[in-house]
Amino acid sequence: MDLRAALRDATDRLCSELAPLAFSTPVTHIYNPLLYAREPHFDYLQRYAGTGKHVIYLGMNPGPFGMAQTGVPFGEVSLVRDWLKVRGRVRKPKPEHAKRLIDGFDCKRSEVSGARLWGAIKARYPEPRAFFDHAFVANYCPLVFMEESGRNRTPDKLPPKEREPLFAACDRYLCTLVDSLAPAFVIGVGKFAEDRARSALSGRPQQVGTIPHPSPANPAANRGWSTQVDIALRKLGLSL
């Protein structure tokens, strides 16, 4: 099967497995951009997931102004639209949080993590296909969890009884992604993604590593994140 078709099928299976899961307060709203931003997500797969990769960079879950808007991991709107050239209709999630509206490619807010990650890649690869010839960017969990205030709640903060079935489904998708793209390295963008990759891929030949998360909530990321990434990757014999 074509790699892109295999990943589309795996995406649909993941959505089916996630659909019946329930999450308790303080979570009040859950977005799944693989559903309402399915078109741009599949366009991303179609454009860039057609060949095997040497490295997969793995994030945690969507940010409210990144993948939540565009369906692309770390999906800073301007870079997804103007550099990656990803296209597709973005619908409205139901129910939609009044403080976290989905405007798709019309979103005016910047996803700092995505601007840093894709911006650093763009600085090295003016043509995106040169990067995707050997690398790919994915998220471990596709869901956005929000509290009544609009505050983001990361998957690691969920109760164990809610985390376990969520992580089991996400582990299965990650294994399919790795089986399909056959990377030598899976690099967690941040410690959470590294830990989940180590757990899900235990016993497999891939080498798992980590780079600092580009979020402004990570104080170190506000002091030369791109340089820190270069240092972390050099220790693994890699470069961004």
C-alpha atoms as a PDB file:
ATOM      1  CA  MET A   1       0.000   0.000   0.000  1.00  0.00           C
ATOM      2  CA  ASP A   2       1.119   3.549  -0.712  1.00  0.00           C
ATOM      3  CA  LEU A   3       2.597   5.087   2.461  1.00  0.00           C
ATOM      4  CA  ARG A   4       0.233   8.028   2.328  1.00  0.00           C
ATOM      5  CA  ALA A   5      -2.805   5.777   1.991  1.00  0.00           C
ATOM      6  CA  ALA A   6      -1.580   3.663   4.907  1.00  0.00           C
ATOM      7  CA  LEU A   7      -1.255   6.755   7.089  1.00  0.00           C
ATOM      8  CA  ARG A   8      -4.676   8.046   6.060  1.00  0.00           C
ATOM      9  CA  ASP A   9      -6.149   4.695   7.072  1.00  0.00           C
ATOM     10  CA  ALA A  10      -4.230   4.789  10.361  1.00  0.00           C
ATOM     11  CA  THR A  11      -5.509   8.310  10.999  1.00  0.00           C
ATOM     12  CA  ASP A  12      -9.096   7.175  10.514  1.00  0.00           C
ATOM     13  CA  ARG A  13      -8.548   4.224  12.873  1.00  0.00           C
ATOM     14  CA  LEU A  14      -7.077   6.543  15.492  1.00  0.00           C
ATOM     15  CA  CYS A  15     -10.083   8.874  15.250  1.00  0.00           C
ATOM     16  CA  SER A  16     -12.440   5.912  15.627  1.00  0.00           C
ATOM     17  CA  GLU A  17     -10.576   4.739  18.727  1.00  0.00           C
ATOM     18  CA  LEU A  18     -10.566   8.205  20.286  1.00  0.00           C
ATOM     19  CA  ALA A  19     -14.222   9.014  19.590  1.00  0.00           C
ATOM     20  CA  PRO A  20     -15.756   7.050  22.531  1.00  0.00           C
ATOM     21  CA  LEU A  21     -13.236   8.262  25.127  1.00  0.00           C
ATOM     22  CA  ALA A  22     -14.591  10.506  27.883  1.00  0.00           C
ATOM     23  CA  PHE A  23     -12.719  13.159  29.861  1.00  0.00           C
ATOM     24  CA  SER A  24     -13.783  14.763  33.111  1.00  0.00           C
ATOM     25  CA  THR A  25     -13.554  18.260  34.535  1.00  0.00           C
ATOM     26  CA  PRO A  26     -11.592  20.487  34.518  1.00  0.00           C
ATOM     27  CA  VAL A  27     -11.611  19.523  30.802  1.00  0.00           C
ATOM     28  CA  THR A  28     -14.763  20.991  29.242  1.00  0.00           C
ATOM     29  CA  HIS A  29     -13.915  21.007  25.508  1.00  0.00           C
ATOM     30  CA  ILE A  30     -11.953  18.625  23.281  1.00  0.00           C
ATOM     31  CA  TYR A  31     -10.901  19.385  19.720  1.00  0.00           C
ATOM     32  CA  ASN A  32      -9.747  16.784  17.236  1.00  0.00           C
ATOM     33  CA  PRO A  33      -8.270  18.592  14.209  1.00  0.00           C
ATOM     34  CA  LEU A  34      -7.882  15.251  12.427  1.00  0.00           C
ATOM     35  CA  LEU A  35     -11.660  15.488  11.998  1.00  0.00           C
ATOM     36  CA  TYR A  36     -12.537  19.116  11.388  1.00  0.00           C
ATOM     37  CA  ALA A  37      -9.196  19.951   9.686  1.00  0.00           C
ATOM     38  CA  ARG A  38      -9.042  16.608   7.907  1.00  0.00           C
ATOM     39  CA  GLU A  39      -8.509  18.146   4.464  1.00  0.00           C
ATOM     40  CA  PRO A  40      -5.306  20.088   5.258  1.00  0.00           C
ATOM     41  CA  HIS A  41      -4.005  17.230   7.416  1.00  0.00           C
ATOM     42  CA  PHE A  42      -4.410  14.778   4.559  1.00  0.00           C
ATOM     43  CA  ASP A  43      -2.905  17.311   2.167  1.00  0.00           C
ATOM     44  CA  TYR A  44       0.132  17.456   4.488  1.00  0.00           C
ATOM     45  CA  LEU A  45       0.398  13.655   4.336  1.00  0.00           C
ATOM     46  CA  GLN A  46      -0.095  13.649   0.572  1.00  0.00           C
ATOM     47  CA  ARG A  47       2.644  16.208  -0.006  1.00  0.00           C
ATOM     48  CA  TYR A  48       5.250  15.043   2.479  1.00  0.00           C
ATOM     49  CA  ALA A  49       4.663  11.471   3.731  1.00  0.00           C
ATOM     50  CA  GLY A  50       5.163   9.570   0.493  1.00  0.00           C
ATOM     51  CA  THR A  51       8.674   8.273   1.175  1.00  0.00           C
ATOM     52  CA  GLY A  52      10.609   6.665   4.007  1.00  0.00           C
ATOM     53  CA  LYS A  53      12.347   8.990   6.476  1.00  0.00           C
ATOM     54  CA  HIS A  54      15.573   8.995   8.454  1.00  0.00           C
ATOM     55  CA  VAL A  55      14.108  11.040  11.323  1.00  0.00           C
ATOM     56  CA  ILE A  56      10.645  11.660  12.765  1.00  0.00           C
ATOM     57  CA  TYR A  57      10.265  14.693  15.029  1.00  0.00           C
ATOM     58  CA  LEU A  58       7.435  13.982  17.481  1.00  0.00           C
ATOM     59  CA  GLY A  59       5.486  16.657  19.349  1.00  0.00           C
ATOM     60  CA  MET A  60       3.062  16.281  22.243  1.00  0.00           C
ATOM     61  CA  ASN A  61      -0.353  17.477  21.016  1.00  0.00           C
ATOM     62  CA  PRO A  62      -1.802  20.415  19.062  1.00  0.00           C
ATOM     63  CA  GLY A  63      -1.435  24.005  20.167  1.00  0.00           C
ATOM     64  CA  PRO A  64      -4.527  26.264  20.020  1.00  0.00           C
ATOM     65  CA  PHE A  65      -3.104  28.482  17.263  1.00  0.00           C
ATOM     66  CA  GLY A  66      -1.158  25.818  15.408  1.00  0.00           C
ATOM     67  CA  MET A  67      -2.392  22.337  14.544  1.00  0.00           C
ATOM     68  CA  ALA A  68      -5.752  23.192  16.094  1.00  0.00           C
ATOM     69  CA  GLN A  69      -6.178  25.738  13.293  1.00  0.00           C
ATOM     70  CA  THR A  70      -4.411  24.074  10.360  1.00  0.00           C
ATOM     71  CA  GLY A  71      -4.358  20.306  10.972  1.00  0.00           C
ATOM     72  CA  VAL A  72      -0.547  20.296  10.637  1.00  0.00           C
ATOM     73  CA  PRO A  73       1.721  19.531  13.619  1.00  0.00           C
ATOM     74  CA  PHE A  74       3.202  22.737  15.061  1.00  0.00           C
ATOM     75  CA  GLY A  75       1.084  24.359  12.334  1.00  0.00           C
ATOM     76  CA  GLU A  76       1.875  28.065  12.507  1.00  0.00           C
ATOM     77  CA  VAL A  77      -0.619  29.440   9.975  1.00  0.00           C
ATOM     78  CA  SER A  78       1.668  31.568   7.806  1.00  0.00           C
ATOM     79  CA  LEU A  79       4.332  28.867   7.458  1.00  0.00           C
ATOM     80  CA  VAL A  80       1.822  26.109   6.738  1.00  0.00           C
ATOM     81  CA  ARG A  81       0.070  28.228   4.133  1.00  0.00           C
ATOM     82  CA  ASP A  82       2.978  30.072   2.493  1.00  0.00           C
ATOM     83  CA  TRP A  83       5.954  27.714   2.900  1.00  0.00           C
ATOM     84  CA  LEU A  84       4.503  24.215   3.192  1.00  0.00           C
ATOM     85  CA  LYS A  85       1.745  25.216   0.727  1.00  0.00           C
ATOM     86  CA  VAL A  86      -0.783  23.016   2.535  1.00  0.00           C
ATOM     87  CA  ARG A  87      -4.379  23.586   1.489  1.00  0.00           C
ATOM     88  CA  GLY A  88      -7.812  22.419   2.563  1.00  0.00           C
ATOM     89  CA  ARG A  89     -11.049  23.427   4.229  1.00  0.00           C
ATOM     90  CA  VAL A  90     -11.143  23.745   8.008  1.00  0.00           C
ATOM     91  CA  ARG A  91     -14.560  23.256   9.577  1.00  0.00           C
ATOM     92  CA  LYS A  92     -15.733  24.224  13.050  1.00  0.00           C
ATOM     93  CA  PRO A  93     -15.375  21.750  15.930  1.00  0.00           C
ATOM     94  CA  LYS A  94     -18.517  21.002  17.906  1.00  0.00           C
ATOM     95  CA  PRO A  95     -18.880  22.249  20.525  1.00  0.00           C
ATOM     96  CA  GLU A  96     -16.543  25.175  19.951  1.00  0.00           C
ATOM     97  CA  HIS A  97     -15.016  26.952  22.948  1.00  0.00           C
ATOM     98  CA  ALA A  98     -15.978  30.648  22.948  1.00  0.00           C
ATOM     99  CA  LYS A  99     -12.423  31.606  23.968  1.00  0.00           C
ATOM    100  CA  ARG A 100     -10.664  29.269  21.528  1.00  0.00           C
ATOM    101  CA  LEU A 101     -12.375  29.843  18.213  1.00  0.00           C
ATOM    102  CA  ILE A 102     -11.220  27.954  15.155  1.00  0.00           C
ATOM    103  CA  ASP A 103     -10.638  30.317  12.232  1.00  0.00           C
ATOM    104  CA  GLY A 104      -8.438  27.959  10.217  1.00  0.00           C
ATOM    105  CA  PHE A 105      -6.119  29.710   7.805  1.00  0.00           C
ATOM    106  CA  ASP A 106      -7.755  33.029   8.723  1.00  0.00           C
ATOM    107  CA  CYS A 107      -6.418  32.771  12.290  1.00  0.00           C
ATOM    108  CA  LYS A 108      -4.412  35.900  13.134  1.00  0.00           C
ATOM    109  CA  ARG A 109      -2.732  34.533  16.256  1.00  0.00           C
ATOM    110  CA  SER A 110       0.765  33.093  16.089  1.00  0.00           C
ATOM    111  CA  GLU A 111       1.699  29.667  17.445  1.00  0.00           C
ATOM    112  CA  VAL A 112       5.110  30.475  18.938  1.00  0.00           C
ATOM    113  CA  SER A 113       6.219  26.844  19.139  1.00  0.00           C
ATOM    114  CA  GLY A 114       5.323  26.308  15.483  1.00  0.00           C
ATOM    115  CA  ALA A 115       6.926  29.564  14.381  1.00  0.00           C
ATOM    116  CA  ARG A 116      10.154  28.511  16.077  1.00  0.00           C
ATOM    117  CA  LEU A 117      10.198  24.920  14.847  1.00  0.00           C
ATOM    118  CA  TRP A 118       9.115  25.432  11.238  1.00  0.00           C
ATOM    119  CA  GLY A 119      10.977  28.751  11.110  1.00  0.00           C
ATOM    120  CA  ALA A 120      14.230  27.026  12.055  1.00  0.00           C
ATOM    121  CA  ILE A 121      13.616  24.342   9.431  1.00  0.00           C
ATOM    122  CA  LYS A 122      12.777  26.916   6.771  1.00  0.00           C
ATOM    123  CA  ALA A 123      15.981  28.818   7.549  1.00  0.00           C
ATOM    124  CA  ARG A 124      17.935  25.685   6.616  1.00  0.00           C
ATOM    125  CA  TYR A 125      15.693  24.441   3.799  1.00  0.00           C
ATOM    126  CA  PRO A 126      14.207  27.175   1.581  1.00  0.00           C
ATOM    127  CA  GLU A 127      12.443  24.371  -0.317  1.00  0.00           C
ATOM    128  CA  PRO A 128      10.434  22.209   2.130  1.00  0.00           C
ATOM    129  CA  ARG A 129      10.812  18.994   0.128  1.00  0.00           C
ATOM    130  CA  ALA A 130      14.542  19.066   0.838  1.00  0.00           C
ATOM    131  CA  PHE A 131      13.690  18.635   4.526  1.00  0.00           C
ATOM    132  CA  PHE A 132      10.971  16.044   3.954  1.00  0.00           C
ATOM    133  CA  ASP A 133      13.282  13.965   1.796  1.00  0.00           C
ATOM    134  CA  HIS A 134      14.705  12.642   5.052  1.00  0.00           C
ATOM    135  CA  ALA A 135      12.486  13.904   7.893  1.00  0.00           C
ATOM    136  CA  PHE A 136       8.886  14.221   9.036  1.00  0.00           C
ATOM    137  CA  VAL A 137       7.050  16.076  11.823  1.00  0.00           C
ATOM    138  CA  ALA A 138       4.151  14.457  13.687  1.00  0.00           C
ATOM    139  CA  ASN A 139       2.284  14.742  16.979  1.00  0.00           C
ATOM    140  CA  TYR A 140       1.868  11.932  19.476  1.00  0.00           C
ATOM    141  CA  CYS A 141      -1.683  12.897  20.483  1.00  0.00           C
ATOM    142  CA  PRO A 142      -4.042  14.715  18.096  1.00  0.00           C
ATOM    143  CA  LEU A 143      -6.454  16.033  20.728  1.00  0.00           C
ATOM    144  CA  VAL A 144      -6.626  19.516  22.251  1.00  0.00           C
ATOM    145  CA  PHE A 145      -7.921  19.601  25.838  1.00  0.00           C
ATOM    146  CA  MET A 146      -9.328  22.868  27.187  1.00  0.00           C
ATOM    147  CA  GLU A 147     -10.677  24.003  30.510  1.00  0.00           C
ATOM    148  CA  GLU A 148     -13.682  26.299  30.952  1.00  0.00           C
ATOM    149  CA  SER A 149     -11.345  29.305  31.136  1.00  0.00           C
ATOM    150  CA  GLY A 150      -9.851  28.401  27.754  1.00  0.00           C
ATOM    151  CA  ARG A 151      -6.649  27.231  29.382  1.00  0.00           C
ATOM    152  CA  ASN A 152      -4.887  24.388  27.606  1.00  0.00           C
ATOM    153  CA  ARG A 153      -4.564  21.124  29.554  1.00  0.00           C
ATOM    154  CA  THR A 154      -1.814  18.839  28.339  1.00  0.00           C
ATOM    155  CA  PRO A 155      -2.345  15.060  28.091  1.00  0.00           C
ATOM    156  CA  ASP A 156       0.128  14.294  30.865  1.00  0.00           C
ATOM    157  CA  LYS A 157      -2.128  16.171  33.320  1.00  0.00           C
ATOM    158  CA  LEU A 158      -5.119  13.894  32.702  1.00  0.00           C
ATOM    159  CA  PRO A 159      -6.084  11.335  35.390  1.00  0.00           C
ATOM    160  CA  PRO A 160      -4.533   7.873  34.886  1.00  0.00           C
ATOM    161  CA  LYS A 161      -7.879   6.244  34.035  1.00  0.00           C
ATOM    162  CA  GLU A 162      -8.308   8.749  31.197  1.00  0.00           C
ATOM    163  CA  ARG A 163      -4.671   8.745  30.086  1.00  0.00           C
ATOM    164  CA  GLU A 164      -4.339   4.991  29.695  1.00  0.00           C
ATOM    165  CA  PRO A 165      -6.839   4.368  26.853  1.00  0.00           C
ATOM    166  CA  LEU A 166      -5.769   7.627  25.193  1.00  0.00           C
ATOM    167  CA  PHE A 167      -2.101   6.679  25.281  1.00  0.00           C
ATOM    168  CA  ALA A 168      -2.850   3.131  24.120  1.00  0.00           C
ATOM    169  CA  ALA A 169      -4.544   4.462  20.969  1.00  0.00           C
ATOM    170  CA  CYS A 170      -1.805   7.025  20.357  1.00  0.00           C
ATOM    171  CA  ASP A 171       0.877   4.358  20.864  1.00  0.00           C
ATOM    172  CA  ARG A 172      -0.726   2.213  18.189  1.00  0.00           C
ATOM    173  CA  TYR A 173      -0.794   5.104  15.740  1.00  0.00           C
ATOM    174  CA  LEU A 174       2.846   5.963  16.484  1.00  0.00           C
ATOM    175  CA  CYS A 175       3.858   2.353  15.845  1.00  0.00           C
ATOM    176  CA  THR A 176       2.041   2.424  12.494  1.00  0.00           C
ATOM    177  CA  LEU A 177       3.722   5.711  11.606  1.00  0.00           C
ATOM    178  CA  VAL A 178       7.129   4.246  12.416  1.00  0.00           C
ATOM    179  CA  ASP A 179       6.387   1.002  10.574  1.00  0.00           C
ATOM    180  CA  SER A 180       5.332   2.997   7.516  1.00  0.00           C
ATOM    181  CA  LEU A 181       8.142   5.585   7.399  1.00  0.00           C
ATOM    182  CA  ALA A 182      10.869   3.302   8.858  1.00  0.00           C
ATOM    183  CA  PRO A 183      13.016   6.020  10.456  1.00  0.00           C
ATOM    184  CA  ALA A 184      16.327   5.335  12.156  1.00  0.00           C
ATOM    185  CA  PHE A 185      15.558   8.038  14.762  1.00  0.00           C
ATOM    186  CA  VAL A 186      12.460   9.264  16.565  1.00  0.00           C
ATOM    187  CA  ILE A 187      13.187  12.578  18.253  1.00  0.00           C
ATOM    188  CA  GLY A 188      10.773  13.804  20.898  1.00  0.00           C
ATOM    189  CA  VAL A 189      10.187  17.534  20.820  1.00  0.00           C
ATOM    190  CA  GLY A 190      10.244  17.834  24.596  1.00  0.00           C
ATOM    191  CA  LYS A 191      10.478  15.244  27.359  1.00  0.00           C
ATOM    192  CA  PHE A 192       6.861  14.048  27.215  1.00  0.00           C
ATOM    193  CA  ALA A 193       7.104  13.042  23.560  1.00  0.00           C
ATOM    194  CA  GLU A 194      10.464  11.385  24.152  1.00  0.00           C
ATOM    195  CA  ASP A 195       9.056   9.344  27.046  1.00  0.00           C
ATOM    196  CA  ARG A 196       5.999   8.261  25.055  1.00  0.00           C
ATOM    197  CA  ALA A 197       8.164   7.272  22.093  1.00  0.00           C
ATOM    198  CA  ARG A 198      10.441   5.197  24.331  1.00  0.00           C
ATOM    199  CA  SER A 199       7.445   3.415  25.810  1.00  0.00           C
ATOM    200  CA  ALA A 200       5.563   2.817  22.561  1.00  0.00           C
ATOM    201  CA  LEU A 201       8.635   1.787  20.563  1.00  0.00           C
ATOM    202  CA  SER A 202      10.285  -0.384  23.206  1.00  0.00           C
ATOM    203  CA  GLY A 203      12.037  -3.324  21.555  1.00  0.00           C
ATOM    204  CA  ARG A 204      12.092  -1.698  18.126  1.00  0.00           C
ATOM    205  CA  PRO A 205      15.330  -0.707  16.389  1.00  0.00           C
ATOM    206  CA  GLN A 206      14.702   3.033  16.276  1.00  0.00           C
ATOM    207  CA  GLN A 207      16.938   5.251  18.368  1.00  0.00           C
ATOM    208  CA  VAL A 208      14.903   7.664  20.498  1.00  0.00           C
ATOM    209  CA  GLY A 209      16.224  11.062  21.500  1.00  0.00           C
ATOM    210  CA  THR A 210      14.985  14.511  22.393  1.00  0.00           C
ATOM    211  CA  ILE A 211      15.311  18.185  21.582  1.00  0.00           C
ATOM    212  CA  PRO A 212      14.069  21.061  23.769  1.00  0.00           C
ATOM    213  CA  HIS A 213      10.446  22.028  23.318  1.00  0.00           C
ATOM    214  CA  PRO A 214      10.118  25.415  21.581  1.00  0.00           C
ATOM    215  CA  SER A 215       7.209  26.580  23.744  1.00  0.00           C
ATOM    216  CA  PRO A 216       7.649  29.970  25.461  1.00  0.00           C
ATOM    217  CA  ALA A 217       6.506  28.139  28.610  1.00  0.00           C
ATOM    218  CA  ASN A 218       9.927  26.466  28.520  1.00  0.00           C
ATOM    219  CA  PRO A 219      12.265  29.189  29.863  1.00  0.00           C
ATOM    220  CA  ALA A 220      15.295  27.700  28.122  1.00  0.00           C
ATOM    221  CA  ALA A 221      13.516  27.915  24.751  1.00  0.00           C
ATOM    222  CA  ASN A 222      13.426  31.698  25.081  1.00  0.00           C
ATOM    223  CA  ARG A 223      17.225  31.810  25.055  1.00  0.00           C
ATOM    224  CA  GLY A 224      18.348  30.664  21.633  1.00  0.00           C
ATOM    225  CA  TRP A 225      16.151  27.620  21.038  1.00  0.00           C
ATOM    226  CA  SER A 226      17.529  26.890  17.549  1.00  0.00           C
ATOM    227  CA  THR A 227      21.108  26.804  18.859  1.00  0.00           C
ATOM    228  CA  GLN A 228      20.083  24.428  21.658  1.00  0.00           C
ATOM    229  CA  VAL A 229      18.477  22.126  19.097  1.00  0.00           C
ATOM    230  CA  ASP A 230      21.643  22.063  17.008  1.00  0.00           C
ATOM    231  CA  ILE A 231      23.659  21.049  20.079  1.00  0.00           C
ATOM    232  CA  ALA A 232      21.180  18.310  21.090  1.00  0.00           C
ATOM    233  CA  LEU A 233      21.059  16.847  17.585  1.00  0.00           C
ATOM    234  CA  ARG A 234      24.832  16.893  17.111  1.00  0.00           C
ATOM    235  CA  LYS A 235      25.136  14.619  20.138  1.00  0.00           C
ATOM    236  CA  LEU A 236      23.019  12.107  18.192  1.00  0.00           C
ATOM    237  CA  GLY A 237      24.972  12.563  14.990  1.00  0.00           C
ATOM    238  CA  LEU A 238      22.109  14.520  13.422  1.00  0.00           C
ATOM    239  CA  SER A 239      21.344  18.040  12.286  1.00  0.00           C
ATOM    240  CA  LEU A 240      18.048  19.795  11.782  1.00  0.00           C
END
